[in-house]
Amino acid sequence: MKMRSIIGCSVARSPLTSKERSLGAQRRQRILVSEAAFLIWRLRCERVIKYANEPTRFVSEKEIVNRWRATVERRIRLDIQFTNRHRFRPRALSLAAM
């Protein structure tokens, strides 16, 4: 993925034709790309700053997968809560928001 795709993930548009599906796909894409970029940044900062680039300290693939899943699940749950019209009524986020 190119850097401009990551930086511009909040304004990217999906080429899908159905408006409702398109909004959902765009929202999901924004969540996944932004959370992936932020997780990569956090992992890098841990390695460079917290562990001072120790060659013996590394993050296993399993740990990365688990952290990715936890991050995405947490963000999706938050998104579901904020779009709950029953709970938030007029303050709920619309599907087109974000």
Protein backbone atom coordinates (compact mmCIF):
# COMPACT_ATOMS: atom_id res chain seq x y z
CA MET A 1 0.00 0.00 0.00
CA LYS A 2 1.30 3.41 -0.90
CA MET A 3 1.88 6.11 1.68
CA ARG A 4 -0.69 8.38 0.04
CA SER A 5 -3.32 5.64 0.45
CA ILE A 6 -2.60 5.49 4.16
CA ILE A 7 -2.54 9.24 4.67
CA GLY A 8 -5.65 9.78 2.56
CA CYS A 9 -7.64 6.83 3.92
CA SER A 10 -10.18 9.15 5.54
CA VAL A 11 -11.15 10.72 2.20
CA ALA A 12 -10.84 7.67 -0.08
CA ARG A 13 -13.92 6.62 -2.02
CA SER A 14 -14.92 3.09 -2.92
CA PRO A 15 -15.85 2.38 -6.56
CA LEU A 16 -18.88 0.27 -5.58
CA THR A 17 -22.21 1.19 -7.15
CA SER A 18 -24.74 0.55 -4.38
CA LYS A 19 -24.78 3.64 -2.16
CA GLU A 20 -25.44 1.80 1.12
CA ARG A 21 -22.88 -0.90 0.43
CA SER A 22 -20.46 1.74 -0.72
CA LEU A 23 -20.81 3.69 2.55
CA GLY A 24 -20.23 0.53 4.57
CA ALA A 25 -17.24 -0.49 2.49
CA GLN A 26 -15.72 2.97 2.73
CA ARG A 27 -16.22 3.10 6.49
CA ARG A 28 -14.69 -0.38 6.94
CA GLN A 29 -11.74 0.54 4.71
CA ARG A 30 -11.07 3.73 6.70
CA ILE A 31 -11.14 1.77 9.96
CA LEU A 32 -8.87 -1.04 8.76
CA VAL A 33 -6.28 1.15 7.04
CA SER A 34 -6.02 3.70 9.83
CA GLU A 35 -5.87 1.08 12.59
CA ALA A 36 -3.26 -0.95 10.67
CA ALA A 37 -1.06 2.11 10.18
CA PHE A 38 -1.37 3.06 13.84
CA LEU A 39 -0.55 -0.49 15.01
CA ILE A 40 2.54 -0.55 12.79
CA TRP A 41 3.59 2.80 14.27
CA ARG A 42 3.07 1.55 17.84
CA LEU A 43 5.08 -1.64 17.18
CA ARG A 44 7.89 0.40 15.70
CA CYS A 45 7.94 2.81 18.64
CA GLU A 46 8.04 -0.09 21.10
CA ARG A 47 10.99 -1.63 19.31
CA VAL A 48 12.97 1.58 18.85
CA ILE A 49 12.13 3.54 22.00
CA LYS A 50 11.00 1.09 24.65
CA TYR A 51 13.48 -1.68 23.85
CA ALA A 52 16.26 0.53 22.38
CA ASN A 53 16.53 -1.62 19.23
CA GLU A 54 17.70 -4.67 21.17
CA PRO A 55 18.45 -7.41 18.63
CA THR A 56 17.16 -10.08 21.03
CA ARG A 57 13.78 -8.39 21.49
CA PHE A 58 11.32 -9.06 18.70
CA VAL A 59 7.56 -9.37 18.36
CA SER A 60 6.34 -12.75 17.20
CA GLU A 61 3.95 -13.11 14.30
CA LYS A 62 1.35 -14.58 16.65
CA GLU A 63 1.57 -11.55 18.95
CA ILE A 64 1.17 -9.19 16.00
CA VAL A 65 -1.89 -11.09 14.75
CA ASN A 66 -3.45 -11.08 18.23
CA ARG A 67 -2.82 -7.37 18.70
CA TRP A 68 -4.25 -6.65 15.23
CA ARG A 69 -7.42 -8.62 15.97
CA ALA A 70 -7.87 -6.98 19.36
CA THR A 71 -7.34 -3.52 17.88
CA VAL A 72 -9.81 -4.05 15.04
CA GLU A 73 -12.42 -5.70 17.26
CA ARG A 74 -12.19 -2.85 19.77
CA ARG A 75 -12.54 -0.24 17.02
CA ILE A 76 -15.47 -2.03 15.34
CA ARG A 77 -17.29 -2.34 18.69
CA LEU A 78 -16.77 1.38 19.26
CA ASP A 79 -18.09 2.15 15.79
CA ILE A 80 -21.17 0.01 16.38
CA GLN A 81 -21.85 1.77 19.67
CA PHE A 82 -21.53 5.24 18.15
CA THR A 83 -23.94 4.43 15.31
CA ASN A 84 -26.61 3.08 17.67
CA ARG A 85 -29.62 5.29 16.94
CA HIS A 86 -31.68 3.82 19.78
CA ARG A 87 -29.09 4.79 22.37
CA PHE A 88 -27.81 8.10 20.99
CA ARG A 89 -30.84 9.23 18.98
CA PRO A 90 -29.93 12.39 17.02
CA ARG A 91 -26.33 12.36 18.24
CA ALA A 92 -25.61 8.93 16.75
CA LEU A 93 -23.10 8.86 13.92
CA SER A 94 -24.63 8.33 10.53
CA LEU A 95 -23.29 5.69 8.18
CA ALA A 96 -21.79 8.45 6.06
CA ALA A 97 -19.99 10.05 9.01
CA MET A 98 -16.27 9.71 9.53
